[in-house]
Each structure stands twice: as structure tokens, then as C-alpha cells.
Amino acid sequence: MERRKYILISLIFLIFWVGVILFFGTRNPEESSNQSQFVYNVIKSIDNVFDFSDTKWFREIEVFLKRLWLGDQYADSIALVRKSAHFGIYFILGVFSWLFGYLYSKRLLIGTLLGVSLPALIAVVDEYSQEFVGRGSSLNDVLIDISGAVFANIIILVICLIYKICKEIYLRYK
């Protein structure tokens, strides 16, 4: 019964997060722009307190992400915030998808397959649905979304590997 409870809870989180993603995807261009501007203003307010944007590592990360996600096209900071949101939201979806897949099957492979394939499917559906609310769809956004889910799954697998190694070492010297 305990396992079923965890499976159900993880499924609820997964469905909720898919709903959040689809909700953001169905905002019209003006609402979406206002949301991005709000997040940008919050980040700037935090930056005014901690002054992290003048550090070398911040500038290097910013240049790297702009080059990776936006290529040669000019991009302001709000565009980077939007792309980072794509990555982060699908990172979380990748975690929830992996968790549900693993709890349901008790297999790392199934968790990983679901942790990447479900976010990829949702990313495609989300970008397609944006066409109906006056926003354009972008293959680049789908790739950023998938990269967020893949990165989440890589981190999860590394954590599982470290846990397994530590457990074996502990049991060997116990």
C-alpha cells in the first residue's frame, strides 16, 4: 500500500506540472511577455541587492547560454530569461517523469526513458498549441526543453550511481 501511495503522489505532481506547462503555453503573446518581464524585474531586483551580474562567472555563463540557445542572433536579457525558463520548467518535468517511471516500474531504465520521452512529447504539444493563441512555435525551444529533461535525468543517474557505489563500499567494510 505504501508503494501505491508514492506512485499516486508522484503521478499527481506529474499531472500538475504538465498542467502548469500547458497553462503557460496557452498564454497570448502579451501575457507571456508580461510574465517574462515580471521575472526579469525580480531577477534585476535580486541583482541590485547581491550584485552578481558584474562577476566574471556570471558573464561567462550568460555568453555561453546565449551562444548555445540563441546562436548568432541578437538576444536581450529577457530572451535569455525566457529560454532559461524553458530549460528549468522541463528540468522539473524530467525529474517528476523519472520519479513516476521509477516508482511505477522499480527500474532505472524505465524511469529514464519516461523522464526524457514524456517531456519531449509535452514540449512538442506545447509548442504546437502556441500556434493557436497567436504565438509562434520554435524547434529551438523544443530542443531547449528536451535538454532540460535530459540534464535532469543525467543528474539523477549520477546520484543513483554515487549512492550505489557508497552503499557497496559501506556494506563491504561494515
C-alpha atoms as a PDB file:
ATOM      1  CA  MET A   1       0.000   0.000   0.000  1.00  0.00           C
ATOM      2  CA  GLU A   2       2.862   2.373   0.795  1.00  0.00           C
ATOM      3  CA  ARG A   3       4.316   1.997  -2.708  1.00  0.00           C
ATOM      4  CA  ARG A   4       0.957   2.728  -4.337  1.00  0.00           C
ATOM      5  CA  LYS A   5       0.685   5.899  -2.279  1.00  0.00           C
ATOM      6  CA  TYR A   6       4.068   7.135  -3.540  1.00  0.00           C
ATOM      7  CA  ILE A   7       3.152   6.252  -7.119  1.00  0.00           C
ATOM      8  CA  LEU A   8      -0.109   8.173  -6.817  1.00  0.00           C
ATOM      9  CA  ILE A   9       1.594  11.211  -5.268  1.00  0.00           C
ATOM     10  CA  SER A  10       4.250  11.256  -7.986  1.00  0.00           C
ATOM     11  CA  LEU A  11       1.537  10.951 -10.655  1.00  0.00           C
ATOM     12  CA  ILE A  12      -0.352  13.891  -9.130  1.00  0.00           C
ATOM     13  CA  PHE A  13       2.826  16.021  -9.163  1.00  0.00           C
ATOM     14  CA  LEU A  14       3.482  14.972 -12.754  1.00  0.00           C
ATOM     15  CA  ILE A  15      -0.028  15.827 -13.951  1.00  0.00           C
ATOM     16  CA  PHE A  16       0.034  19.123 -12.057  1.00  0.00           C
ATOM     17  CA  TRP A  17       3.360  20.110 -13.636  1.00  0.00           C
ATOM     18  CA  VAL A  18       2.169  19.208 -17.138  1.00  0.00           C
ATOM     19  CA  GLY A  19      -0.841  21.427 -16.437  1.00  0.00           C
ATOM     20  CA  VAL A  20       1.436  24.293 -15.392  1.00  0.00           C
ATOM     21  CA  ILE A  21       3.443  23.930 -18.602  1.00  0.00           C
ATOM     22  CA  LEU A  22       0.364  23.827 -20.809  1.00  0.00           C
ATOM     23  CA  PHE A  23      -1.113  26.795 -18.925  1.00  0.00           C
ATOM     24  CA  PHE A  24       1.972  28.917 -19.648  1.00  0.00           C
ATOM     25  CA  GLY A  25       1.951  27.717 -23.250  1.00  0.00           C
ATOM     26  CA  THR A  26      -1.604  28.909 -23.826  1.00  0.00           C
ATOM     27  CA  ARG A  27      -0.966  32.495 -22.714  1.00  0.00           C
ATOM     28  CA  ASN A  28      -1.321  35.038 -25.502  1.00  0.00           C
ATOM     29  CA  PRO A  29       1.802  36.943 -26.614  1.00  0.00           C
ATOM     30  CA  GLU A  30       1.094  39.964 -24.409  1.00  0.00           C
ATOM     31  CA  GLU A  31       0.542  37.901 -21.245  1.00  0.00           C
ATOM     32  CA  SER A  32       3.623  35.809 -21.967  1.00  0.00           C
ATOM     33  CA  SER A  33       5.697  38.940 -22.469  1.00  0.00           C
ATOM     34  CA  ASN A  34       4.380  40.435 -19.219  1.00  0.00           C
ATOM     35  CA  GLN A  35       5.274  37.248 -17.339  1.00  0.00           C
ATOM     36  CA  SER A  36       8.802  37.312 -18.749  1.00  0.00           C
ATOM     37  CA  GLN A  37       9.167  40.997 -17.900  1.00  0.00           C
ATOM     38  CA  PHE A  38       7.990  40.320 -14.333  1.00  0.00           C
ATOM     39  CA  VAL A  39      10.538  37.530 -13.841  1.00  0.00           C
ATOM     40  CA  TYR A  40      13.251  39.716 -15.367  1.00  0.00           C
ATOM     41  CA  ASN A  41      12.388  42.555 -12.963  1.00  0.00           C
ATOM     42  CA  VAL A  42      12.519  40.176  -9.982  1.00  0.00           C
ATOM     43  CA  ILE A  43      15.944  38.927 -11.070  1.00  0.00           C
ATOM     44  CA  LYS A  44      17.154  42.518 -11.543  1.00  0.00           C
ATOM     45  CA  SER A  45      15.898  43.399  -8.042  1.00  0.00           C
ATOM     46  CA  ILE A  46      17.832  40.485  -6.592  1.00  0.00           C
ATOM     47  CA  ASP A  47      20.847  41.551  -8.643  1.00  0.00           C
ATOM     48  CA  ASN A  48      20.605  45.074  -7.208  1.00  0.00           C
ATOM     49  CA  VAL A  49      20.967  43.592  -3.725  1.00  0.00           C
ATOM     50  CA  PHE A  50      23.631  40.939  -4.379  1.00  0.00           C
ATOM     51  CA  ASP A  51      25.283  42.432  -7.492  1.00  0.00           C
ATOM     52  CA  PHE A  52      26.025  39.058  -9.089  1.00  0.00           C
ATOM     53  CA  SER A  53      25.778  40.220 -12.715  1.00  0.00           C
ATOM     54  CA  ASP A  54      29.130  42.003 -12.529  1.00  0.00           C
ATOM     55  CA  THR A  55      31.023  38.837 -11.682  1.00  0.00           C
ATOM     56  CA  LYS A  56      33.192  37.050 -14.207  1.00  0.00           C
ATOM     57  CA  TRP A  57      31.431  33.690 -13.836  1.00  0.00           C
ATOM     58  CA  PHE A  58      28.020  35.287 -14.458  1.00  0.00           C
ATOM     59  CA  ARG A  59      29.187  36.935 -17.680  1.00  0.00           C
ATOM     60  CA  GLU A  60      30.787  33.678 -18.850  1.00  0.00           C
ATOM     61  CA  ILE A  61      27.615  31.697 -18.166  1.00  0.00           C
ATOM     62  CA  GLU A  62      25.489  34.348 -19.875  1.00  0.00           C
ATOM     63  CA  VAL A  63      27.661  34.332 -23.001  1.00  0.00           C
ATOM     64  CA  PHE A  64      27.738  30.518 -23.057  1.00  0.00           C
ATOM     65  CA  LEU A  65      23.948  30.175 -22.731  1.00  0.00           C
ATOM     66  CA  LYS A  66      23.230  32.878 -25.304  1.00  0.00           C
ATOM     67  CA  ARG A  67      25.574  31.192 -27.753  1.00  0.00           C
ATOM     68  CA  LEU A  68      24.151  27.738 -27.009  1.00  0.00           C
ATOM     69  CA  TRP A  69      20.454  28.605 -27.007  1.00  0.00           C
ATOM     70  CA  LEU A  70      20.246  31.614 -29.301  1.00  0.00           C
ATOM     71  CA  GLY A  71      23.142  31.144 -31.691  1.00  0.00           C
ATOM     72  CA  ASP A  72      24.269  34.198 -33.610  1.00  0.00           C
ATOM     73  CA  GLN A  73      21.016  36.115 -33.322  1.00  0.00           C
ATOM     74  CA  TYR A  74      20.931  39.172 -31.092  1.00  0.00           C
ATOM     75  CA  ALA A  75      19.239  38.490 -27.776  1.00  0.00           C
ATOM     76  CA  ASP A  76      18.451  40.737 -24.871  1.00  0.00           C
ATOM     77  CA  SER A  77      18.423  39.548 -21.282  1.00  0.00           C
ATOM     78  CA  ILE A  78      14.685  38.871 -21.350  1.00  0.00           C
ATOM     79  CA  ALA A  79      15.183  36.361 -24.180  1.00  0.00           C
ATOM     80  CA  LEU A  80      17.745  34.567 -22.027  1.00  0.00           C
ATOM     81  CA  VAL A  81      15.287  34.558 -19.111  1.00  0.00           C
ATOM     82  CA  ARG A  82      12.629  33.008 -21.383  1.00  0.00           C
ATOM     83  CA  LYS A  83      14.991  30.286 -22.620  1.00  0.00           C
ATOM     84  CA  SER A  84      16.203  29.596 -19.076  1.00  0.00           C
ATOM     85  CA  ALA A  85      12.573  29.211 -18.008  1.00  0.00           C
ATOM     86  CA  HIS A  86      12.074  26.623 -20.766  1.00  0.00           C
ATOM     87  CA  PHE A  87      15.110  24.705 -19.512  1.00  0.00           C
ATOM     88  CA  GLY A  88      14.121  24.938 -15.845  1.00  0.00           C
ATOM     89  CA  ILE A  89      10.466  24.032 -16.250  1.00  0.00           C
ATOM     90  CA  TYR A  90      11.330  20.955 -18.300  1.00  0.00           C
ATOM     91  CA  PHE A  91      14.150  20.072 -15.898  1.00  0.00           C
ATOM     92  CA  ILE A  92      11.482  19.791 -13.201  1.00  0.00           C
ATOM     93  CA  LEU A  93       9.193  17.839 -15.550  1.00  0.00           C
ATOM     94  CA  GLY A  94      12.099  15.476 -16.247  1.00  0.00           C
ATOM     95  CA  VAL A  95      12.507  14.867 -12.506  1.00  0.00           C
ATOM     96  CA  PHE A  96       8.778  14.243 -11.959  1.00  0.00           C
ATOM     97  CA  SER A  97       8.574  11.979 -15.019  1.00  0.00           C
ATOM     98  CA  TRP A  98      11.616   9.985 -13.928  1.00  0.00           C
ATOM     99  CA  LEU A  99      10.274   9.665 -10.400  1.00  0.00           C
ATOM    100  CA  PHE A 100       6.911   8.353 -11.575  1.00  0.00           C
ATOM    101  CA  GLY A 101       8.517   5.954 -14.069  1.00  0.00           C
ATOM    102  CA  TYR A 102      10.942   4.623 -11.472  1.00  0.00           C
ATOM    103  CA  LEU A 103       8.377   4.260  -8.689  1.00  0.00           C
ATOM    104  CA  TYR A 104       5.936   2.531 -11.024  1.00  0.00           C
ATOM    105  CA  SER A 105       8.431   0.093 -12.570  1.00  0.00           C
ATOM    106  CA  LYS A 106      11.278  -0.014  -9.997  1.00  0.00           C
ATOM    107  CA  ARG A 107      13.706   0.169 -12.943  1.00  0.00           C
ATOM    108  CA  LEU A 108      16.184   2.927 -13.684  1.00  0.00           C
ATOM    109  CA  LEU A 109      15.876   2.400 -17.430  1.00  0.00           C
ATOM    110  CA  ILE A 110      12.091   2.836 -17.421  1.00  0.00           C
ATOM    111  CA  GLY A 111      12.405   5.906 -15.223  1.00  0.00           C
ATOM    112  CA  THR A 112      14.995   7.395 -17.555  1.00  0.00           C
ATOM    113  CA  LEU A 113      13.042   6.596 -20.716  1.00  0.00           C
ATOM    114  CA  LEU A 114       9.899   8.162 -19.287  1.00  0.00           C
ATOM    115  CA  GLY A 115      11.945  11.019 -17.821  1.00  0.00           C
ATOM    116  CA  VAL A 116      13.091  12.039 -21.300  1.00  0.00           C
ATOM    117  CA  SER A 117      10.328  10.886 -23.652  1.00  0.00           C
ATOM    118  CA  LEU A 118       7.331  12.336 -21.803  1.00  0.00           C
ATOM    119  CA  PRO A 119       8.888  15.823 -21.533  1.00  0.00           C
ATOM    120  CA  ALA A 120       9.813  15.621 -25.226  1.00  0.00           C
ATOM    121  CA  LEU A 121       6.209  14.807 -26.108  1.00  0.00           C
ATOM    122  CA  ILE A 122       4.858  17.589 -23.884  1.00  0.00           C
ATOM    123  CA  ALA A 123       7.364  20.052 -25.396  1.00  0.00           C
ATOM    124  CA  VAL A 124       6.151  19.277 -28.913  1.00  0.00           C
ATOM    125  CA  VAL A 125       2.481  19.516 -27.903  1.00  0.00           C
ATOM    126  CA  ASP A 126       3.144  22.766 -26.026  1.00  0.00           C
ATOM    127  CA  GLU A 127       4.927  24.405 -28.957  1.00  0.00           C
ATOM    128  CA  TYR A 128       2.219  23.225 -31.351  1.00  0.00           C
ATOM    129  CA  SER A 129      -0.547  24.608 -29.125  1.00  0.00           C
ATOM    130  CA  GLN A 130       1.135  28.026 -29.093  1.00  0.00           C
ATOM    131  CA  GLU A 131       0.191  28.401 -32.754  1.00  0.00           C
ATOM    132  CA  PHE A 132      -3.471  28.603 -31.718  1.00  0.00           C
ATOM    133  CA  VAL A 133      -3.008  31.573 -29.364  1.00  0.00           C
ATOM    134  CA  GLY A 134      -1.061  33.791 -31.732  1.00  0.00           C
ATOM    135  CA  ARG A 135       2.427  32.769 -30.681  1.00  0.00           C
ATOM    136  CA  GLY A 136       4.913  31.074 -32.918  1.00  0.00           C
ATOM    137  CA  SER A 137       6.297  27.630 -32.288  1.00  0.00           C
ATOM    138  CA  SER A 138      10.023  27.031 -32.266  1.00  0.00           C
ATOM    139  CA  LEU A 139      12.033  23.869 -32.761  1.00  0.00           C
ATOM    140  CA  ASN A 140      14.823  25.575 -30.826  1.00  0.00           C
ATOM    141  CA  ASP A 141      12.512  25.855 -27.796  1.00  0.00           C
ATOM    142  CA  VAL A 142      11.663  22.150 -28.060  1.00  0.00           C
ATOM    143  CA  LEU A 143      15.381  21.316 -28.069  1.00  0.00           C
ATOM    144  CA  ILE A 144      15.957  23.530 -25.015  1.00  0.00           C
ATOM    145  CA  ASP A 145      13.012  21.830 -23.275  1.00  0.00           C
ATOM    146  CA  ILE A 146      14.356  18.365 -24.044  1.00  0.00           C
ATOM    147  CA  SER A 147      17.845  19.373 -22.912  1.00  0.00           C
ATOM    148  CA  GLY A 148      16.380  20.394 -19.542  1.00  0.00           C
ATOM    149  CA  ALA A 149      14.786  16.963 -19.125  1.00  0.00           C
ATOM    150  CA  VAL A 150      17.922  15.152 -20.309  1.00  0.00           C
ATOM    151  CA  PHE A 151      20.092  17.151 -17.900  1.00  0.00           C
ATOM    152  CA  ALA A 152      17.736  16.300 -15.022  1.00  0.00           C
ATOM    153  CA  ASN A 153      17.919  12.607 -15.877  1.00  0.00           C
ATOM    154  CA  ILE A 154      21.712  12.692 -16.119  1.00  0.00           C
ATOM    155  CA  ILE A 155      21.921  14.258 -12.662  1.00  0.00           C
ATOM    156  CA  ILE A 156      19.510  11.656 -11.274  1.00  0.00           C
ATOM    157  CA  LEU A 157      21.526   8.795 -12.781  1.00  0.00           C
ATOM    158  CA  VAL A 158      24.784  10.211 -11.402  1.00  0.00           C
ATOM    159  CA  ILE A 159      23.190  10.476  -7.949  1.00  0.00           C
ATOM    160  CA  CYS A 160      21.939   6.872  -8.231  1.00  0.00           C
ATOM    161  CA  LEU A 161      25.407   5.716  -9.278  1.00  0.00           C
ATOM    162  CA  ILE A 162      27.082   7.540  -6.386  1.00  0.00           C
ATOM    163  CA  TYR A 163      24.518   6.082  -3.986  1.00  0.00           C
ATOM    164  CA  LYS A 164      25.118   2.570  -5.301  1.00  0.00           C
ATOM    165  CA  ILE A 165      28.906   2.920  -5.024  1.00  0.00           C
ATOM    166  CA  CYS A 166      28.694   4.334  -1.494  1.00  0.00           C
ATOM    167  CA  LYS A 167      26.303   1.573  -0.461  1.00  0.00           C
ATOM    168  CA  GLU A 168      28.645  -1.125  -1.797  1.00  0.00           C
ATOM    169  CA  ILE A 169      31.626   0.428  -0.023  1.00  0.00           C
ATOM    170  CA  TYR A 170      29.652   0.682   3.211  1.00  0.00           C
ATOM    171  CA  LEU A 171      28.487  -2.940   3.022  1.00  0.00           C
ATOM    172  CA  ARG A 172      31.975  -4.164   2.153  1.00  0.00           C
ATOM    173  CA  TYR A 173      33.594  -2.544   5.198  1.00  0.00           C
ATOM    174  CA  LYS A 174      30.725  -2.966   7.627  1.00  0.00           C
END
